C-alpha atoms as a PDB file:
ATOM      1  CA  MET A   1    -110.038  53.299  21.791  1.00  0.00           C
ATOM      2  CA  PHE A   2    -107.613  51.262  19.818  1.00  0.00           C
ATOM      3  CA  ILE A   3    -107.791  53.487  16.800  1.00  0.00           C
ATOM      4  CA  SER A   4    -105.018  56.036  16.612  1.00  0.00           C
ATOM      5  CA  SER A   5    -105.383  59.399  14.963  1.00  0.00           C
ATOM      6  CA  ALA A   6    -104.042  59.647  11.403  1.00  0.00           C
ATOM      7  CA  TYR A   7    -102.513  62.900  10.319  1.00  0.00           C
ATOM      8  CA  ALA A   8    -101.959  63.877   6.702  1.00  0.00           C
ATOM      9  CA  GLN A   9     -98.336  64.162   5.693  1.00  0.00           C
ATOM     10  CA  THR A  10     -97.098  66.717   3.228  1.00  0.00           C
ATOM     11  CA  ALA A  11     -95.624  65.335   0.029  1.00  0.00           C
ATOM     12  CA  ALA A  12     -91.955  65.987  -0.597  1.00  0.00           C
ATOM     13  CA  GLY A  13     -91.796  68.735  -3.210  1.00  0.00           C
ATOM     14  CA  PRO A  14     -89.239  69.031  -5.977  1.00  0.00           C
ATOM     15  CA  ASP A  15     -85.978  70.839  -5.370  1.00  0.00           C
ATOM     16  CA  PRO A  16     -86.591  74.591  -5.935  1.00  0.00           C
ATOM     17  CA  THR A  17     -83.400  75.085  -7.980  1.00  0.00           C
ATOM     18  CA  THR A  18     -84.237  72.191 -10.313  1.00  0.00           C
ATOM     19  CA  GLY A  19     -87.694  73.632 -10.931  1.00  0.00           C
ATOM     20  CA  LEU A  20     -86.249  77.039 -11.789  1.00  0.00           C
ATOM     21  CA  ILE A  21     -83.739  75.554 -14.229  1.00  0.00           C
ATOM     22  CA  MET A  22     -86.454  73.500 -15.917  1.00  0.00           C
ATOM     23  CA  GLN A  23     -88.539  76.646 -16.397  1.00  0.00           C
ATOM     24  CA  ILE A  24     -85.682  78.748 -17.801  1.00  0.00           C
ATOM     25  CA  ALA A  25     -84.095  76.046 -20.007  1.00  0.00           C
ATOM     26  CA  PRO A  26     -86.705  76.263 -22.833  1.00  0.00           C
ATOM     27  CA  LEU A  27     -86.335  80.043 -22.977  1.00  0.00           C
ATOM     28  CA  ILE A  28     -82.560  79.764 -23.276  1.00  0.00           C
ATOM     29  CA  LEU A  29     -82.929  77.088 -25.950  1.00  0.00           C
ATOM     30  CA  ILE A  30     -85.320  79.283 -27.956  1.00  0.00           C
ATOM     31  CA  PHE A  31     -82.923  82.246 -27.731  1.00  0.00           C
ATOM     32  CA  VAL A  32     -79.995  80.096 -28.948  1.00  0.00           C
ATOM     33  CA  VAL A  33     -82.029  78.802 -31.893  1.00  0.00           C
ATOM     34  CA  PHE A  34     -83.150  82.338 -32.839  1.00  0.00           C
ATOM     35  CA  TYR A  35     -79.567  83.575 -32.623  1.00  0.00           C
ATOM     36  CA  PHE A  36     -78.160  80.923 -34.964  1.00  0.00           C
ATOM     37  CA  LEU A  37     -81.091  80.866 -37.403  1.00  0.00           C
ATOM     38  CA  LEU A  38     -82.040  84.556 -37.577  1.00  0.00           C
ATOM     39  CA  ILE A  39     -79.728  87.045 -35.878  1.00  0.00           C
ATOM     40  CA  ARG A  40     -76.269  85.735 -36.832  1.00  0.00           C
ATOM     41  CA  PRO A  41     -76.984  85.214 -40.575  1.00  0.00           C
ATOM     42  CA  GLN A  42     -78.480  88.706 -40.793  1.00  0.00           C
ATOM     43  CA  GLN A  43     -75.384  90.215 -39.153  1.00  0.00           C
ATOM     44  CA  GLN A  44     -73.111  88.342 -41.555  1.00  0.00           C
ATOM     45  CA  ALA A  45     -75.134  89.468 -44.587  1.00  0.00           C
ATOM     46  CA  ARG A  46     -74.990  93.070 -43.386  1.00  0.00           C
ATOM     47  CA  LYS A  47     -71.219  92.817 -42.922  1.00  0.00           C
ATOM     48  CA  ARG A  48     -70.772  91.412 -46.456  1.00  0.00           C
ATOM     49  CA  HIS A  49     -72.933  94.230 -47.891  1.00  0.00           C
ATOM     50  CA  LEU A  50     -70.918  96.908 -46.081  1.00  0.00           C
ATOM     51  CA  GLU A  51     -67.666  95.388 -47.378  1.00  0.00           C
ATOM     52  CA  MET A  52     -69.086  95.248 -50.919  1.00  0.00           C
ATOM     53  CA  VAL A  53     -70.206  98.884 -50.791  1.00  0.00           C
ATOM     54  CA  ALA A  54     -66.855 100.002 -49.392  1.00  0.00           C
ATOM     55  CA  ALA A  55     -65.020  98.238 -52.250  1.00  0.00           C
ATOM     56  CA  LEU A  56     -66.954  99.955 -55.078  1.00  0.00           C
ATOM     57  CA  LYS A  57     -64.778 101.494 -57.766  1.00  0.00           C
ATOM     58  CA  LYS A  58     -65.058 103.008 -61.212  1.00  0.00           C
ATOM     59  CA  ASN A  59     -66.337 100.773 -64.064  1.00  0.00           C
ATOM     60  CA  ASP A  60     -68.007  98.201 -61.774  1.00  0.00           C
ATOM     61  CA  ILE A  61     -71.374  96.989 -63.068  1.00  0.00           C
ATOM     62  CA  VAL A  62     -73.888  97.366 -60.223  1.00  0.00           C
ATOM     63  CA  VAL A  63     -77.557  96.779 -59.484  1.00  0.00           C
ATOM     64  CA  THR A  64     -79.363  99.384 -57.385  1.00  0.00           C
ATOM     65  CA  SER A  65     -82.040  98.572 -54.838  1.00  0.00           C
ATOM     66  CA  GLY A  66     -84.566  99.914 -57.353  1.00  0.00           C
ATOM     67  CA  GLY A  67     -83.471  97.334 -59.912  1.00  0.00           C
ATOM     68  CA  PHE A  68     -81.480  99.601 -62.238  1.00  0.00           C
ATOM     69  CA  ILE A  69     -78.311  98.134 -63.727  1.00  0.00           C
ATOM     70  CA  GLY A  70     -75.511 100.509 -64.604  1.00  0.00           C
ATOM     71  CA  LYS A  71     -71.799 101.208 -64.646  1.00  0.00           C
ATOM     72  CA  VAL A  72     -70.112 103.171 -61.867  1.00  0.00           C
ATOM     73  CA  LYS A  73     -68.668 106.402 -63.245  1.00  0.00           C
ATOM     74  CA  SER A  74     -67.389 107.929 -60.001  1.00  0.00           C
ATOM     75  CA  VAL A  75     -67.398 107.198 -56.292  1.00  0.00           C
ATOM     76  CA  ALA A  76     -67.737 109.887 -53.615  1.00  0.00           C
ATOM     77  CA  ASP A  77     -67.948 109.631 -49.827  1.00  0.00           C
ATOM     78  CA  ASP A  78     -71.603 108.659 -49.517  1.00  0.00           C
ATOM     79  CA  GLU A  79     -72.839 108.521 -53.110  1.00  0.00           C
ATOM     80  CA  VAL A  80     -72.000 106.892 -56.412  1.00  0.00           C
ATOM     81  CA  ARG A  81     -72.559 108.247 -59.920  1.00  0.00           C
ATOM     82  CA  VAL A  82     -73.979 105.438 -62.058  1.00  0.00           C
ATOM     83  CA  GLU A  83     -74.403 105.521 -65.849  1.00  0.00           C
ATOM     84  CA  LEU A  84     -77.663 103.769 -66.731  1.00  0.00           C
ATOM     85  CA  ALA A  85     -77.532 104.495 -70.479  1.00  0.00           C
ATOM     86  CA  PRO A  86     -75.325 106.638 -72.702  1.00  0.00           C
ATOM     87  CA  ASN A  87     -75.485 110.227 -71.398  1.00  0.00           C
ATOM     88  CA  VAL A  88     -77.796 109.207 -68.522  1.00  0.00           C
ATOM     89  CA  ASP A  89     -76.024 109.465 -65.167  1.00  0.00           C
ATOM     90  CA  VAL A  90     -77.748 109.217 -61.810  1.00  0.00           C
ATOM     91  CA  ARG A  91     -76.473 109.802 -58.309  1.00  0.00           C
ATOM     92  CA  VAL A  92     -77.191 106.893 -55.973  1.00  0.00           C
ATOM     93  CA  LEU A  93     -76.437 106.533 -52.291  1.00  0.00           C
ATOM     94  CA  ARG A  94     -73.801 103.894 -51.608  1.00  0.00           C
ATOM     95  CA  HIS A  95     -76.144 101.833 -49.444  1.00  0.00           C
ATOM     96  CA  ALA A  96     -78.704 101.700 -52.261  1.00  0.00           C
ATOM     97  CA  ILE A  97     -76.351  99.459 -54.251  1.00  0.00           C
ATOM     98  CA  SER A  98     -77.648  95.947 -53.716  1.00  0.00           C
ATOM     99  CA  GLU A  99     -75.267  93.917 -55.887  1.00  0.00           C
ATOM    100  CA  VAL A 100     -72.040  94.204 -57.847  1.00  0.00           C
ATOM    101  CA  ARG A 101     -72.478  92.199 -61.049  1.00  0.00           C
ATOM    102  CA  SER A 102     -68.940  92.432 -62.399  1.00  0.00           C
ATOM    103  CA  LYS A 103     -65.881  93.908 -60.830  1.00  0.00           C
ATOM    104  CA  THR A 104     -63.154  95.560 -62.836  1.00  0.00           C
ATOM    105  CA  GLU A 105     -59.583  94.408 -62.562  1.00  0.00           C
ATOM    106  CA  PRO A 106     -57.482  96.659 -60.349  1.00  0.00           C
ATOM    107  CA  ALA A 107     -55.195  98.973 -62.277  1.00  0.00           C
ATOM    108  CA  PRO A 108     -51.511  98.025 -62.101  1.00  0.00           C
ATOM    109  CA  ALA A 109     -49.397 100.118 -59.773  1.00  0.00           C
ATOM    110  CA  ASN A 110     -46.984 101.007 -62.572  1.00  0.00           C
ATOM    111  CA  ASP A 111     -48.726 102.022 -65.812  1.00  0.00           C
ATOM    112  CA  SER A 112     -45.575 101.858 -67.916  1.00  0.00           C
ATOM    113  CA  LYS A 113     -45.164  98.700 -69.978  1.00  0.00           C
ATOM    114  CA  ALA A 114     -41.877  96.867 -70.098  1.00  0.00           C
ATOM    115  CA  ASP A 115     -40.690  96.248 -73.698  1.00  0.00           C
END
């Protein structure tokens, strides 16, 4: 008679927007870390390689992706003629050049010498 009925109360749940942000935040953090540690450095390296390949000129000493070291004899649109040994020239695609060991000095604009 003197005992009243007790009803269970629902617990106050977290704010739905806060829960969503807390679930997405680690994914965003992982993407940012991947971008700065993997994606961005790879893009910069690719850009440097493209600039290096575009700046190839005659008499540069280059290393091919196969490991051959030679001197550039001529440069065409998409290929380079490289001298590996005396009287041994090979045609190599521009993008197969992995490194320029030594660059030649640019030729002066006026070839006449002042005396």
